[in-house]
Amino acid sequence: MKLKIMALFFLMIQFSCSSGKIIPTSDVCSLKKHYKDSVFQVLINKKPISKHWYIYEDAKDVTKLLADQNKCMH
């Protein structure tokens, strides 16, 4: 009886502490240059994430942030 309780307790601990798998996204981040100015728009799957335009360094930082949040690959 004691062995069964210990085995059940062990199984509860083993499976209750596990976390789900992190599935990487297949969405792609990209940048689109403004046709006149030297500013860039951030896109996910060729769709703008907002109406904002950024200088290149800031646009790259936004794509890195989105990739860190698993919203897209860069």
C-alpha atoms as a PDB file:
ATOM      1  CA  MET A   1       0.000   0.000   0.000  1.00  0.00           C
ATOM      2  CA  LYS A   2       2.756   2.436   0.962  1.00  0.00           C
ATOM      3  CA  LEU A   3       4.602   1.672  -2.280  1.00  0.00           C
ATOM      4  CA  LYS A   4       1.501   2.447  -4.366  1.00  0.00           C
ATOM      5  CA  ILE A   5       1.040   5.801  -2.625  1.00  0.00           C
ATOM      6  CA  MET A   6       4.696   6.700  -3.180  1.00  0.00           C
ATOM      7  CA  ALA A   7       4.462   5.719  -6.847  1.00  0.00           C
ATOM      8  CA  LEU A   8       1.292   7.773  -7.305  1.00  0.00           C
ATOM      9  CA  PHE A   9       2.893  10.760  -5.558  1.00  0.00           C
ATOM     10  CA  PHE A  10       5.970  10.472  -7.784  1.00  0.00           C
ATOM     11  CA  LEU A  11       3.833  10.391 -10.943  1.00  0.00           C
ATOM     12  CA  MET A  12       1.854  13.437  -9.798  1.00  0.00           C
ATOM     13  CA  ILE A  13       5.023  15.434  -9.243  1.00  0.00           C
ATOM     14  CA  GLN A  14       6.572  14.258 -12.498  1.00  0.00           C
ATOM     15  CA  PHE A  15       3.675  15.334 -14.713  1.00  0.00           C
ATOM     16  CA  SER A  16       2.338  18.354 -12.846  1.00  0.00           C
ATOM     17  CA  CYS A  17       5.584  20.318 -13.134  1.00  0.00           C
ATOM     18  CA  SER A  18       6.098  19.886 -16.852  1.00  0.00           C
ATOM     19  CA  SER A  19       5.371  22.723 -19.230  1.00  0.00           C
ATOM     20  CA  GLY A  20       4.051  22.623 -22.770  1.00  0.00           C
ATOM     21  CA  LYS A  21       6.298  22.701 -25.783  1.00  0.00           C
ATOM     22  CA  ILE A  22       7.148  26.070 -27.268  1.00  0.00           C
ATOM     23  CA  ILE A  23       6.264  25.929 -30.928  1.00  0.00           C
ATOM     24  CA  PRO A  24       8.257  28.388 -33.027  1.00  0.00           C
ATOM     25  CA  THR A  25       6.242  30.563 -35.356  1.00  0.00           C
ATOM     26  CA  SER A  26       6.525  30.352 -39.123  1.00  0.00           C
ATOM     27  CA  ASP A  27       5.543  34.008 -39.614  1.00  0.00           C
ATOM     28  CA  VAL A  28       8.254  36.184 -41.161  1.00  0.00           C
ATOM     29  CA  CYS A  29       9.239  39.726 -40.165  1.00  0.00           C
ATOM     30  CA  SER A  30      10.471  42.038 -42.872  1.00  0.00           C
ATOM     31  CA  LEU A  31      11.049  45.727 -43.520  1.00  0.00           C
ATOM     32  CA  LYS A  32       9.595  47.893 -46.265  1.00  0.00           C
ATOM     33  CA  LYS A  33      11.405  51.085 -47.230  1.00  0.00           C
ATOM     34  CA  HIS A  34       9.345  54.215 -47.834  1.00  0.00           C
ATOM     35  CA  TYR A  35       9.398  55.138 -51.513  1.00  0.00           C
ATOM     36  CA  LYS A  36      10.655  58.692 -50.825  1.00  0.00           C
ATOM     37  CA  ASP A  37      12.165  58.867 -47.370  1.00  0.00           C
ATOM     38  CA  SER A  38      14.748  56.792 -45.544  1.00  0.00           C
ATOM     39  CA  VAL A  39      12.262  55.262 -43.103  1.00  0.00           C
ATOM     40  CA  PHE A  40      10.975  51.711 -42.798  1.00  0.00           C
ATOM     41  CA  GLN A  41       7.737  49.953 -41.950  1.00  0.00           C
ATOM     42  CA  VAL A  42       7.745  46.632 -40.080  1.00  0.00           C
ATOM     43  CA  LEU A  43       5.786  43.823 -41.756  1.00  0.00           C
ATOM     44  CA  ILE A  44       4.717  40.356 -40.646  1.00  0.00           C
ATOM     45  CA  ASN A  45       3.954  38.103 -43.612  1.00  0.00           C
ATOM     46  CA  LYS A  46       4.023  41.179 -45.876  1.00  0.00           C
ATOM     47  CA  LYS A  47       1.318  42.942 -43.803  1.00  0.00           C
ATOM     48  CA  PRO A  48       2.162  46.086 -41.801  1.00  0.00           C
ATOM     49  CA  ILE A  49       2.003  45.698 -38.033  1.00  0.00           C
ATOM     50  CA  SER A  50       1.006  49.381 -37.740  1.00  0.00           C
ATOM     51  CA  LYS A  51       0.998  52.635 -39.686  1.00  0.00           C
ATOM     52  CA  HIS A  52       4.243  53.752 -38.018  1.00  0.00           C
ATOM     53  CA  TRP A  53       7.466  54.279 -39.944  1.00  0.00           C
ATOM     54  CA  TYR A  54      10.857  53.911 -38.220  1.00  0.00           C
ATOM     55  CA  ILE A  55      14.466  54.731 -38.907  1.00  0.00           C
ATOM     56  CA  TYR A  56      16.363  51.593 -39.897  1.00  0.00           C
ATOM     57  CA  GLU A  57      17.931  50.890 -36.482  1.00  0.00           C
ATOM     58  CA  ASP A  58      14.592  51.223 -34.676  1.00  0.00           C
ATOM     59  CA  ALA A  59      12.824  49.058 -37.256  1.00  0.00           C
ATOM     60  CA  LYS A  60      15.436  46.329 -36.752  1.00  0.00           C
ATOM     61  CA  ASP A  61      14.950  46.590 -32.978  1.00  0.00           C
ATOM     62  CA  VAL A  62      11.185  46.152 -33.426  1.00  0.00           C
ATOM     63  CA  THR A  63      11.715  43.018 -35.539  1.00  0.00           C
ATOM     64  CA  LYS A  64      14.107  41.612 -32.919  1.00  0.00           C
ATOM     65  CA  LEU A  65      11.560  42.312 -30.179  1.00  0.00           C
ATOM     66  CA  LEU A  66       8.809  40.594 -32.161  1.00  0.00           C
ATOM     67  CA  ALA A  67      11.091  37.609 -32.790  1.00  0.00           C
ATOM     68  CA  ASP A  68      11.920  37.383 -29.071  1.00  0.00           C
ATOM     69  CA  GLN A  69       8.183  37.302 -28.369  1.00  0.00           C
ATOM     70  CA  ASN A  70       7.817  34.472 -30.928  1.00  0.00           C
ATOM     71  CA  LYS A  71       5.529  36.585 -33.126  1.00  0.00           C
ATOM     72  CA  CYS A  72       7.770  36.215 -36.171  1.00  0.00           C
ATOM     73  CA  MET A  73      11.155  35.054 -37.415  1.00  0.00           C
ATOM     74  CA  HIS A  74      13.659  37.580 -38.645  1.00  0.00           C
END
